[in-house]
Protein backbone atom coordinates (compact mmCIF):
# COMPACT_ATOMS: atom_id res chain seq x y z
CA MET A 1 -0.06 -0.38 0.17
CA LEU A 2 1.38 3.59 -1.26
CA HIS A 3 2.32 6.01 1.46
CA ILE A 4 0.71 9.47 0.92
CA LEU A 5 1.89 12.34 3.64
CA LEU A 6 -0.51 15.14 4.34
CA ILE A 7 1.37 18.25 5.88
CA ASP A 8 -1.24 21.30 6.91
CA ASP A 9 -2.01 23.37 9.66
CA ASP A 10 -5.86 22.62 8.93
CA VAL A 11 -6.77 19.93 10.89
CA GLN A 12 -10.23 19.46 10.13
CA LEU A 13 -9.17 19.64 5.98
CA THR A 14 -6.16 17.37 6.39
CA ALA A 15 -9.02 14.52 8.25
CA LEU A 16 -11.15 14.97 5.62
CA LEU A 17 -8.86 14.25 3.08
CA ALA A 18 -6.78 11.53 4.83
CA GLU A 19 -10.47 9.69 4.90
CA TYR A 20 -10.77 9.85 1.64
CA LEU A 21 -7.80 8.94 0.26
CA GLN A 22 -7.49 6.25 2.89
CA LYS A 23 -10.74 5.05 1.22
CA ASP A 24 -9.09 5.00 -2.30
CA GLY A 25 -6.43 2.42 -1.16
CA PHE A 26 -3.95 4.86 0.10
CA ASN A 27 -1.82 4.92 3.78
CA VAL A 28 -1.88 7.90 5.28
CA SER A 29 -0.05 9.96 7.79
CA SER A 30 -0.76 13.46 8.66
CA ALA A 31 1.47 16.37 10.35
CA ASN A 32 -0.14 19.61 11.20
CA ASN A 33 3.04 21.83 10.99
CA GLY A 34 6.28 21.72 8.97
CA ALA A 35 8.99 20.42 11.39
CA ALA A 36 6.49 17.61 12.21
CA GLY A 37 6.41 16.91 8.47
CA LEU A 38 10.03 16.88 7.90
CA GLU A 39 10.09 14.23 10.52
CA CYS A 40 7.61 12.27 9.40
CA CYS A 41 10.50 11.79 6.21
CA GLN A 42 13.09 11.22 7.92
CA LYS A 43 11.76 8.37 10.16
CA GLN A 44 9.33 6.67 7.75
CA ALA A 45 9.00 5.53 3.79
CA VAL A 46 6.76 8.02 1.92
CA ASP A 47 5.93 7.66 -1.35
CA LEU A 48 4.63 11.11 -2.09
CA VAL A 49 3.74 14.25 -0.02
CA ILE A 50 0.91 16.59 0.01
CA LEU A 51 2.23 20.08 1.38
CA ASP A 52 0.38 22.99 2.08
CA VAL A 53 2.01 26.33 1.16
CA MET A 54 0.80 28.45 3.76
CA MET A 55 1.78 27.40 7.41
CA PRO A 56 2.61 29.11 10.66
CA GLN A 57 6.34 29.20 11.99
CA LEU A 58 7.95 26.75 8.76
CA ASP A 59 6.29 27.13 5.87
CA GLY A 60 5.05 25.22 3.21
CA ILE A 61 8.03 26.57 0.65
CA SER A 62 10.56 26.32 3.58
CA VAL A 63 9.86 22.88 3.80
CA LEU A 64 10.10 21.80 0.20
CA LYS A 65 13.73 23.23 0.49
CA GLN A 66 15.05 21.15 2.91
CA LEU A 67 12.59 17.92 1.53
CA ARG A 68 14.68 18.83 -1.78
CA ARG A 69 18.43 18.69 -0.27
CA ASP A 70 18.26 15.30 -0.44
CA SER A 71 15.19 13.50 -1.51
CA ASN A 72 13.33 13.88 -4.95
CA ILE A 73 10.38 12.18 -2.90
CA PRO A 74 6.81 13.88 -5.40
CA VAL A 75 5.29 16.56 -3.83
CA ILE A 76 2.10 17.97 -4.60
CA MET A 77 2.13 21.81 -3.31
CA LEU A 78 -1.65 22.96 -1.39
CA THR A 79 -2.11 26.68 -2.45
CA ALA A 80 -4.97 29.15 -2.04
CA ARG A 81 -6.61 30.20 -5.18
CA GLY A 82 -4.98 32.68 -7.06
CA GLU A 83 -1.76 32.83 -5.01
CA ASP A 84 0.40 32.12 -8.60
CA LEU A 85 3.54 33.38 -7.26
CA ASP A 86 3.23 30.90 -4.75
CA LYS A 87 2.92 28.16 -7.43
CA VAL A 88 5.76 29.40 -9.23
CA ILE A 89 7.99 29.59 -6.25
CA GLY A 90 7.03 25.77 -5.54
CA LEU A 91 8.04 24.52 -9.06
CA GLU A 92 11.21 26.48 -9.45
CA LEU A 93 12.08 24.44 -5.72
CA GLY A 94 11.06 21.41 -7.21
CA ALA A 95 7.12 20.44 -6.38
CA ASP A 96 6.02 18.13 -8.94
CA ASP A 97 2.32 19.50 -9.00
CA TYR A 98 0.21 21.89 -7.46
CA ILE A 99 -3.16 22.14 -6.86
CA ALA A 100 -5.57 25.15 -5.41
CA LYS A 101 -7.49 25.01 -1.96
CA PRO A 102 -10.40 24.11 -1.32
CA CYS A 103 -9.98 20.93 -3.57
CA LEU A 104 -12.01 18.12 -4.12
CA PRO A 105 -10.69 15.06 -2.66
CA ARG A 106 -11.28 13.56 -5.96
CA GLU A 107 -8.99 15.70 -8.14
CA LEU A 108 -6.24 15.80 -5.52
CA SER A 109 -6.48 11.74 -5.83
CA ALA A 110 -5.96 11.81 -9.32
CA ARG A 111 -3.59 13.88 -9.79
CA ILE A 112 -1.60 11.79 -6.75
CA LYS A 113 -2.29 8.52 -8.80
CA ALA A 114 -1.25 9.87 -11.84
CA ILE A 115 2.27 11.18 -10.65
CA LEU A 116 2.57 7.96 -9.18
CA ARG A 117 1.69 5.54 -12.07
CA ARG A 118 4.46 7.81 -13.90
CA VAL A 119 6.99 6.68 -11.34
CA GLN A 120 5.28 3.11 -11.61
CA GLN A 121 5.65 2.91 -15.54
CA SER A 122 9.44 4.86 -15.44
CA ARG A 123 10.27 0.78 -14.42
CA ASN A 124 9.32 -0.84 -18.36
CA GLN A 125 11.15 2.15 -20.11
CA THR A 126 14.04 1.95 -22.18
CA GLU A 127 17.11 3.69 -20.62
CA LEU A 128 18.31 6.38 -23.15
CA GLN A 129 21.67 7.56 -24.23
CA LEU A 130 21.85 10.86 -25.86
CA GLY A 131 25.92 11.73 -26.60
CA ALA A 132 27.64 12.29 -22.92
CA LEU A 133 23.51 12.55 -21.43
CA CYS A 134 22.22 8.70 -19.78
CA ILE A 135 18.59 8.82 -18.57
CA LYS A 136 17.78 5.73 -17.03
CA PRO A 137 13.91 4.98 -16.23
CA VAL A 138 14.32 2.18 -13.85
CA ASN A 139 15.56 4.37 -10.84
CA ARG A 140 14.41 7.71 -12.42
CA SER A 141 17.96 9.28 -13.00
CA VAL A 142 20.12 10.94 -15.03
CA SER A 143 23.38 11.68 -15.46
CA LEU A 144 25.92 13.78 -17.64
CA GLN A 145 29.34 13.20 -18.30
CA GLN A 146 28.71 10.35 -15.71
CA HIS A 147 28.08 12.81 -12.92
CA ASN A 148 24.59 12.54 -11.35
CA ILE A 149 22.08 15.51 -11.96
CA GLU A 150 19.59 15.66 -9.38
CA LEU A 151 15.61 16.14 -11.18
CA THR A 152 12.44 16.26 -9.90
CA GLY A 153 9.81 13.54 -10.98
CA ALA A 154 8.01 16.04 -12.98
CA GLU A 155 11.25 17.28 -14.62
CA PHE A 156 12.53 13.72 -15.22
CA SER A 157 9.05 12.49 -16.82
CA ILE A 158 9.64 16.01 -19.04
CA LEU A 159 13.29 14.97 -19.93
CA TYR A 160 12.25 11.87 -20.78
CA LEU A 161 9.41 12.48 -23.04
CA LEU A 162 11.29 15.06 -24.86
CA ALA A 163 14.44 12.75 -25.22
CA GLN A 164 12.60 9.66 -26.59
CA HIS A 165 11.38 12.20 -29.55
CA ALA A 166 14.47 14.14 -29.89
CA GLY A 167 14.15 16.22 -32.63
CA HIS A 168 10.50 16.47 -32.83
CA VAL A 169 8.74 19.46 -31.81
CA ILE A 170 6.17 18.88 -28.59
CA SER A 171 3.49 21.04 -27.72
CA LYS A 172 3.32 22.23 -24.06
CA ALA A 173 -0.36 20.77 -24.09
CA GLU A 174 1.18 17.40 -24.65
CA LEU A 175 3.64 17.54 -22.23
CA SER A 176 1.45 18.23 -19.78
CA GLN A 177 -0.87 15.92 -20.68
CA GLN A 178 1.73 12.79 -21.44
CA ALA A 179 4.76 13.95 -18.62
CA LEU A 180 2.39 15.52 -15.83
CA GLY A 181 -0.83 13.91 -16.45
CA LYS A 182 -2.73 16.86 -16.46
CA PRO A 183 -4.32 19.01 -18.97
CA LEU A 184 -2.70 22.45 -19.48
CA GLY A 185 -4.62 25.54 -18.17
CA SER A 186 -5.14 28.33 -20.12
CA TYR A 187 -2.11 30.57 -17.73
CA ASP A 188 -0.26 27.77 -16.63
CA ARG A 189 2.82 28.27 -16.92
CA SER A 190 4.18 25.01 -15.06
CA ILE A 191 6.00 23.32 -18.10
CA ASP A 192 7.83 26.19 -19.19
CA VAL A 193 9.03 26.26 -15.19
CA HIS A 194 9.69 22.54 -15.44
CA ILE A 195 11.61 23.52 -18.84
CA SER A 196 13.69 26.08 -16.74
CA HIS A 197 14.56 24.01 -13.84
CA ILE A 198 15.82 20.88 -16.01
CA ARG A 199 18.13 23.48 -18.47
CA GLN A 200 19.50 24.78 -15.49
CA LYS A 201 20.47 21.68 -14.23
CA LEU A 202 22.16 20.32 -17.29
CA GLY A 203 23.81 23.49 -18.59
CA LYS A 204 24.90 24.25 -21.73
CA PRO A 205 26.26 21.81 -24.00
CA PRO A 206 29.60 23.17 -26.29
CA ALA A 207 29.33 25.45 -28.90
CA GLY A 208 26.33 27.39 -26.64
CA GLN A 209 23.98 25.37 -27.86
CA GLN A 210 20.51 24.33 -25.68
CA TRP A 211 19.31 20.52 -24.47
CA VAL A 212 16.02 21.68 -25.20
CA THR A 213 15.42 24.47 -27.43
CA SER A 214 12.06 26.10 -27.56
CA VAL A 215 10.26 26.69 -30.98
CA ARG A 216 7.66 29.43 -30.57
CA GLY A 217 4.22 29.39 -30.63
CA LYS A 218 4.63 25.32 -30.91
CA GLY A 219 6.42 23.87 -28.11
CA TYR A 220 9.82 22.27 -26.92
CA GLN A 221 12.22 19.74 -28.51
CA PHE A 222 15.25 18.15 -27.38
CA THR A 223 18.46 19.08 -30.25
CA TYR A 224 21.52 18.32 -28.67
CA PRO A 225 23.40 16.99 -29.74
CA PHE A 226 21.42 16.27 -33.13
CA GLY A 227 21.29 20.14 -33.74
CA GLY A 228 18.49 22.18 -35.11
CA GLY A 229 15.92 24.27 -32.64
CA ALA A 230 16.22 27.84 -31.69
């Protein structure tokens, strides 16, 4: 049974979500502050974290920063409606997804399943060797010139999908649906943020090229070491 950790100071909401997720087949633990949540992650095997942004003392952004120092565990951020800045910051720090509060338990469960399903599917995907870049789905690891590159689950899924179709343009809508398991919203910048993060982590290849290039109005493509793109 997969283990979900809820970190939120809203005790009533946490109890509601925990009850629903347990009925949906998950093992659920709860923590009502950031420090307790971090302690749970250290002491228990957790498959996915649901993390509220707004908490007293240690907020969700601070918790995420500490989690990402030594863990790539999938994280879904809970944000108040309209807090676009928090969403972007969360993605930049390595969150895999976000959902606005108040959220429907059914929608949250669907997001959880989509992320965990991608992790499971990775085990059956083919390892890719693209120049000095090696992408191993079996353990969702990436190495460049034999040095490990730490990617979040969402970043890995996007990079792998682009690398599978190297040289071909994939739209942001396709990347969102196929790599993240959700439709692309009208003002959704999550794909752009994840791509920016991937570029930063991989660095620039020789001759000032990019591993992933943008094609205006169409999407993104994995180009190096194959050439092309803009």
